[in-house]
C-alpha atoms as a PDB file:
ATOM      1  CA  MET A   1    -146.142-149.844 -17.494  1.00  0.00           C
ATOM      2  CA  SER A   2    -145.907-151.990 -20.620  1.00  0.00           C
ATOM      3  CA  LEU A   3    -145.380-155.732 -20.448  1.00  0.00           C
ATOM      4  CA  LEU A   4    -141.962-155.391 -22.128  1.00  0.00           C
ATOM      5  CA  ARG A   5    -140.826-152.896 -19.511  1.00  0.00           C
ATOM      6  CA  ARG A   6    -141.980-155.201 -16.705  1.00  0.00           C
ATOM      7  CA  LEU A   7    -140.136-158.122 -18.290  1.00  0.00           C
ATOM      8  CA  TYR A   8    -137.046-155.949 -18.782  1.00  0.00           C
ATOM      9  CA  ARG A   9    -136.964-155.053 -15.094  1.00  0.00           C
ATOM     10  CA  LEU A  10    -137.531-158.673 -14.107  1.00  0.00           C
ATOM     11  CA  LEU A  11    -134.978-160.239 -16.469  1.00  0.00           C
ATOM     12  CA  MET A  12    -132.235-157.587 -16.509  1.00  0.00           C
ATOM     13  CA  PRO A  13    -130.463-158.732 -13.305  1.00  0.00           C
ATOM     14  CA  GLY A  14    -130.091-162.260 -14.708  1.00  0.00           C
ATOM     15  CA  TYR A  15    -128.944-160.929 -18.065  1.00  0.00           C
ATOM     16  CA  ARG A  16    -126.266-158.833 -16.377  1.00  0.00           C
ATOM     17  CA  ILE A  17    -124.999-161.817 -14.408  1.00  0.00           C
ATOM     18  CA  ALA A  18    -124.800-163.869 -17.612  1.00  0.00           C
ATOM     19  CA  MET A  19    -122.924-161.081 -19.412  1.00  0.00           C
ATOM     20  CA  ARG A  20    -120.533-160.721 -16.486  1.00  0.00           C
ATOM     21  CA  LEU A  21    -119.733-164.432 -16.639  1.00  0.00           C
ATOM     22  CA  ALA A  22    -119.402-164.452 -20.433  1.00  0.00           C
ATOM     23  CA  ARG A  23    -117.502-161.185 -20.779  1.00  0.00           C
ATOM     24  CA  GLY A  24    -115.308-159.152 -18.463  1.00  0.00           C
ATOM     25  CA  LEU A  25    -116.101-156.001 -20.378  1.00  0.00           C
ATOM     26  CA  THR A  26    -119.075-154.901 -22.432  1.00  0.00           C
ATOM     27  CA  VAL A  27    -119.160-152.075 -24.967  1.00  0.00           C
ATOM     28  CA  GLY A  28    -122.163-150.163 -26.182  1.00  0.00           C
ATOM     29  CA  VAL A  29    -122.551-147.403 -28.729  1.00  0.00           C
ATOM     30  CA  ARG A  30    -124.842-144.393 -28.926  1.00  0.00           C
ATOM     31  CA  VAL A  31    -125.142-141.973 -31.834  1.00  0.00           C
ATOM     32  CA  MET A  32    -126.039-138.299 -31.638  1.00  0.00           C
ATOM     33  CA  VAL A  33    -127.687-137.617 -35.015  1.00  0.00           C
ATOM     34  CA  PHE A  34    -128.465-134.083 -36.174  1.00  0.00           C
ATOM     35  CA  ASP A  35    -130.708-133.024 -39.035  1.00  0.00           C
ATOM     36  CA  GLU A  36    -130.385-129.970 -41.307  1.00  0.00           C
ATOM     37  CA  GLN A  37    -132.299-127.801 -38.805  1.00  0.00           C
ATOM     38  CA  GLY A  38    -129.888-128.724 -36.006  1.00  0.00           C
ATOM     39  CA  ARG A  39    -132.388-130.970 -34.234  1.00  0.00           C
ATOM     40  CA  VAL A  40    -131.230-134.121 -32.469  1.00  0.00           C
ATOM     41  CA  LEU A  41    -132.804-137.548 -33.015  1.00  0.00           C
ATOM     42  CA  LEU A  42    -134.018-139.403 -29.928  1.00  0.00           C
ATOM     43  CA  ILE A  43    -135.825-142.699 -29.522  1.00  0.00           C
ATOM     44  CA  GLU A  44    -138.007-144.272 -26.876  1.00  0.00           C
ATOM     45  CA  HIS A  45    -137.647-148.024 -26.356  1.00  0.00           C
ATOM     46  CA  SER A  46    -140.550-150.297 -25.536  1.00  0.00           C
ATOM     47  CA  TYR A  47    -138.606-151.983 -22.741  1.00  0.00           C
ATOM     48  CA  THR A  48    -137.015-149.121 -20.780  1.00  0.00           C
ATOM     49  CA  PRO A  49    -138.333-145.644 -20.011  1.00  0.00           C
ATOM     50  CA  GLY A  50    -136.989-142.365 -21.319  1.00  0.00           C
ATOM     51  CA  TRP A  51    -135.707-140.768 -24.493  1.00  0.00           C
ATOM     52  CA  HIS A  52    -132.267-141.991 -25.601  1.00  0.00           C
ATOM     53  CA  PHE A  53    -129.850-141.699 -28.491  1.00  0.00           C
ATOM     54  CA  PRO A  54    -130.135-144.619 -30.910  1.00  0.00           C
ATOM     55  CA  GLY A  55    -127.617-147.321 -30.116  1.00  0.00           C
ATOM     56  CA  GLY A  56    -126.972-150.645 -28.497  1.00  0.00           C
ATOM     57  CA  GLY A  57    -124.388-153.297 -27.801  1.00  0.00           C
ATOM     58  CA  VAL A  58    -121.345-154.144 -29.877  1.00  0.00           C
ATOM     59  CA  GLU A  59    -121.598-157.793 -30.911  1.00  0.00           C
ATOM     60  CA  ARG A  60    -118.706-160.231 -30.968  1.00  0.00           C
ATOM     61  CA  GLY A  61    -116.655-159.762 -34.154  1.00  0.00           C
ATOM     62  CA  GLU A  62    -118.190-156.352 -34.878  1.00  0.00           C
ATOM     63  CA  SER A  63    -116.417-152.991 -34.753  1.00  0.00           C
ATOM     64  CA  ALA A  64    -117.946-150.232 -32.648  1.00  0.00           C
ATOM     65  CA  GLU A  65    -118.623-148.070 -35.705  1.00  0.00           C
ATOM     66  CA  THR A  66    -120.249-150.977 -37.549  1.00  0.00           C
ATOM     67  CA  ALA A  67    -122.451-151.628 -34.501  1.00  0.00           C
ATOM     68  CA  ALA A  68    -123.424-147.950 -34.386  1.00  0.00           C
ATOM     69  CA  ALA A  69    -124.404-147.982 -38.073  1.00  0.00           C
ATOM     70  CA  ARG A  70    -126.388-151.214 -37.617  1.00  0.00           C
ATOM     71  CA  GLU A  71    -128.253-149.854 -34.600  1.00  0.00           C
ATOM     72  CA  LEU A  72    -129.041-146.602 -36.436  1.00  0.00           C
ATOM     73  CA  GLU A  73    -130.659-148.465 -39.310  1.00  0.00           C
ATOM     74  CA  GLU A  74    -132.539-150.843 -37.007  1.00  0.00           C
ATOM     75  CA  GLU A  75    -133.837-148.338 -34.472  1.00  0.00           C
ATOM     76  CA  ALA A  76    -133.946-145.000 -36.223  1.00  0.00           C
ATOM     77  CA  GLY A  77    -134.154-145.525 -39.978  1.00  0.00           C
ATOM     78  CA  VAL A  78    -130.896-143.641 -40.485  1.00  0.00           C
ATOM     79  CA  ARG A  79    -128.036-144.777 -42.745  1.00  0.00           C
ATOM     80  CA  PRO A  80    -124.721-142.987 -42.242  1.00  0.00           C
ATOM     81  CA  VAL A  81    -123.220-141.244 -45.253  1.00  0.00           C
ATOM     82  CA  GLY A  82    -119.493-141.316 -44.663  1.00  0.00           C
ATOM     83  CA  ARG A  83    -117.874-141.867 -41.303  1.00  0.00           C
ATOM     84  CA  MET A  84    -119.259-140.975 -37.913  1.00  0.00           C
ATOM     85  CA  THR A  85    -117.152-138.940 -35.498  1.00  0.00           C
ATOM     86  CA  LEU A  86    -116.195-140.508 -32.175  1.00  0.00           C
ATOM     87  CA  VAL A  87    -117.066-137.863 -29.581  1.00  0.00           C
ATOM     88  CA  SER A  88    -116.299-139.526 -26.259  1.00  0.00           C
ATOM     89  CA  ILE A  89    -115.971-142.753 -24.291  1.00  0.00           C
ATOM     90  CA  HIS A  90    -117.763-143.191 -20.969  1.00  0.00           C
ATOM     91  CA  ASP A  91    -117.709-145.666 -18.097  1.00  0.00           C
ATOM     92  CA  ASN A  92    -121.252-146.910 -17.507  1.00  0.00           C
ATOM     93  CA  VAL A  93    -120.537-148.309 -14.034  1.00  0.00           C
ATOM     94  CA  ARG A  94    -123.683-146.700 -12.584  1.00  0.00           C
ATOM     95  CA  THR A  95    -125.797-148.987 -14.744  1.00  0.00           C
ATOM     96  CA  PHE A  96    -123.541-152.014 -15.178  1.00  0.00           C
ATOM     97  CA  ARG A  97    -120.007-152.516 -13.833  1.00  0.00           C
ATOM     98  CA  GLY A  98    -117.552-153.138 -16.670  1.00  0.00           C
ATOM     99  CA  ASP A  99    -119.730-151.514 -19.312  1.00  0.00           C
ATOM    100  CA  HIS A 100    -118.469-148.683 -21.512  1.00  0.00           C
ATOM    101  CA  VAL A 101    -120.365-146.434 -23.928  1.00  0.00           C
ATOM    102  CA  LEU A 102    -118.827-144.924 -27.057  1.00  0.00           C
ATOM    103  CA  LEU A 103    -120.656-141.827 -28.258  1.00  0.00           C
ATOM    104  CA  TYR A 104    -120.560-140.950 -31.957  1.00  0.00           C
ATOM    105  CA  ARG A 105    -121.859-137.901 -33.802  1.00  0.00           C
ATOM    106  CA  LEU A 106    -123.473-138.082 -37.228  1.00  0.00           C
ATOM    107  CA  ASP A 107    -124.400-135.085 -39.370  1.00  0.00           C
ATOM    108  CA  GLN A 108    -124.488-136.668 -42.854  1.00  0.00           C
ATOM    109  CA  TRP A 109    -127.059-139.425 -43.283  1.00  0.00           C
ATOM    110  CA  ALA A 110    -129.812-140.770 -45.498  1.00  0.00           C
ATOM    111  CA  PRO A 111    -133.225-142.077 -44.464  1.00  0.00           C
ATOM    112  CA  THR A 112    -133.895-145.796 -44.669  1.00  0.00           C
ATOM    113  CA  PRO A 113    -136.774-147.913 -43.361  1.00  0.00           C
ATOM    114  CA  PRO A 114    -136.141-148.911 -39.719  1.00  0.00           C
ATOM    115  CA  THR A 115    -135.926-152.680 -39.273  1.00  0.00           C
ATOM    116  CA  ALA A 116    -136.598-153.007 -35.519  1.00  0.00           C
ATOM    117  CA  ARG A 117    -139.960-154.592 -34.824  1.00  0.00           C
ATOM    118  CA  GLY A 118    -141.607-153.728 -31.516  1.00  0.00           C
ATOM    119  CA  GLU A 119    -138.411-152.475 -29.872  1.00  0.00           C
ATOM    120  CA  ILE A 120    -138.950-148.761 -30.542  1.00  0.00           C
ATOM    121  CA  LEU A 121    -142.099-146.941 -29.435  1.00  0.00           C
ATOM    122  CA  ARG A 122    -141.243-143.515 -30.848  1.00  0.00           C
ATOM    123  CA  ARG A 123    -138.595-141.702 -32.900  1.00  0.00           C
ATOM    124  CA  ASP A 124    -138.564-137.943 -33.027  1.00  0.00           C
ATOM    125  CA  TRP A 125    -136.405-134.879 -33.667  1.00  0.00           C
ATOM    126  CA  PHE A 126    -135.969-132.252 -30.958  1.00  0.00           C
ATOM    127  CA  ASP A 127    -134.383-128.858 -30.562  1.00  0.00           C
ATOM    128  CA  PRO A 128    -131.354-129.722 -28.383  1.00  0.00           C
ATOM    129  CA  ARG A 129    -131.978-126.629 -26.226  1.00  0.00           C
ATOM    130  CA  ASP A 130    -135.637-127.591 -25.653  1.00  0.00           C
ATOM    131  CA  LEU A 131    -135.707-131.319 -24.948  1.00  0.00           C
ATOM    132  CA  PRO A 132    -138.887-133.175 -23.981  1.00  0.00           C
ATOM    133  CA  ASP A 133    -139.680-134.532 -20.551  1.00  0.00           C
ATOM    134  CA  GLY A 134    -138.257-137.985 -20.040  1.00  0.00           C
ATOM    135  CA  VAL A 135    -134.871-137.484 -21.709  1.00  0.00           C
ATOM    136  CA  THR A 136    -132.433-139.587 -19.693  1.00  0.00           C
ATOM    137  CA  ASP A 137    -129.830-137.763 -17.608  1.00  0.00           C
ATOM    138  CA  GLY A 138    -126.928-139.280 -19.560  1.00  0.00           C
ATOM    139  CA  THR A 139    -128.447-138.252 -22.881  1.00  0.00           C
ATOM    140  CA  ARG A 140    -129.143-134.724 -21.657  1.00  0.00           C
ATOM    141  CA  ARG A 141    -125.581-134.330 -20.290  1.00  0.00           C
ATOM    142  CA  ARG A 142    -124.009-135.518 -23.566  1.00  0.00           C
ATOM    143  CA  ILE A 143    -126.043-133.020 -25.600  1.00  0.00           C
ATOM    144  CA  VAL A 144    -125.031-130.128 -23.343  1.00  0.00           C
ATOM    145  CA  GLN A 145    -121.373-131.168 -23.418  1.00  0.00           C
ATOM    146  CA  VAL A 146    -121.263-131.434 -27.202  1.00  0.00           C
ATOM    147  CA  LEU A 147    -123.124-128.179 -27.843  1.00  0.00           C
ATOM    148  CA  ASP A 148    -121.191-126.200 -25.224  1.00  0.00           C
ATOM    149  CA  GLY A 149    -117.838-127.755 -26.104  1.00  0.00           C
ATOM    150  CA  THR A 150    -117.144-128.802 -22.518  1.00  0.00           C
ATOM    151  CA  ALA A 151    -115.030-131.808 -21.639  1.00  0.00           C
ATOM    152  CA  PRO A 152    -117.066-135.017 -21.437  1.00  0.00           C
ATOM    153  CA  ASP A 153    -117.692-136.643 -18.068  1.00  0.00           C
ATOM    154  CA  LEU A 154    -115.900-139.905 -17.396  1.00  0.00           C
ATOM    155  CA  PHE A 155    -119.201-141.556 -16.463  1.00  0.00           C
ATOM    156  CA  TRP A 156    -122.239-141.925 -18.692  1.00  0.00           C
END
């Protein structure tokens, strides 16, 4: 296990307490990005295991869509062309009480150099019907729901 992942597990409980005291509600964004071949973009962070959609927290004074675009450029080297589509909103109570995740979809984008340094271990494109080992359960469920057109779960 990497040092960042060990630190993440050690520091995360304190971080959550601080966020709970500072904010009654937290909002995060994730973006499901597709390429021309219909593959989905997933990333692996250095500090937490598994493959995820690019995304992160919405900062004070920032709109959710602006946060999603910022996180895409930082983590994935993707710049939206036009607007993203809001797909669903999920309660993330299983991970952090009071947290909500907004899921966007992006089909039109341009490549740009990623700006995150050390945060992302890998970025890769995958056939959504043949995902790699390690894709998080929430990520896998969102892909199935979007591709099959089923109603999204309330919980991430």
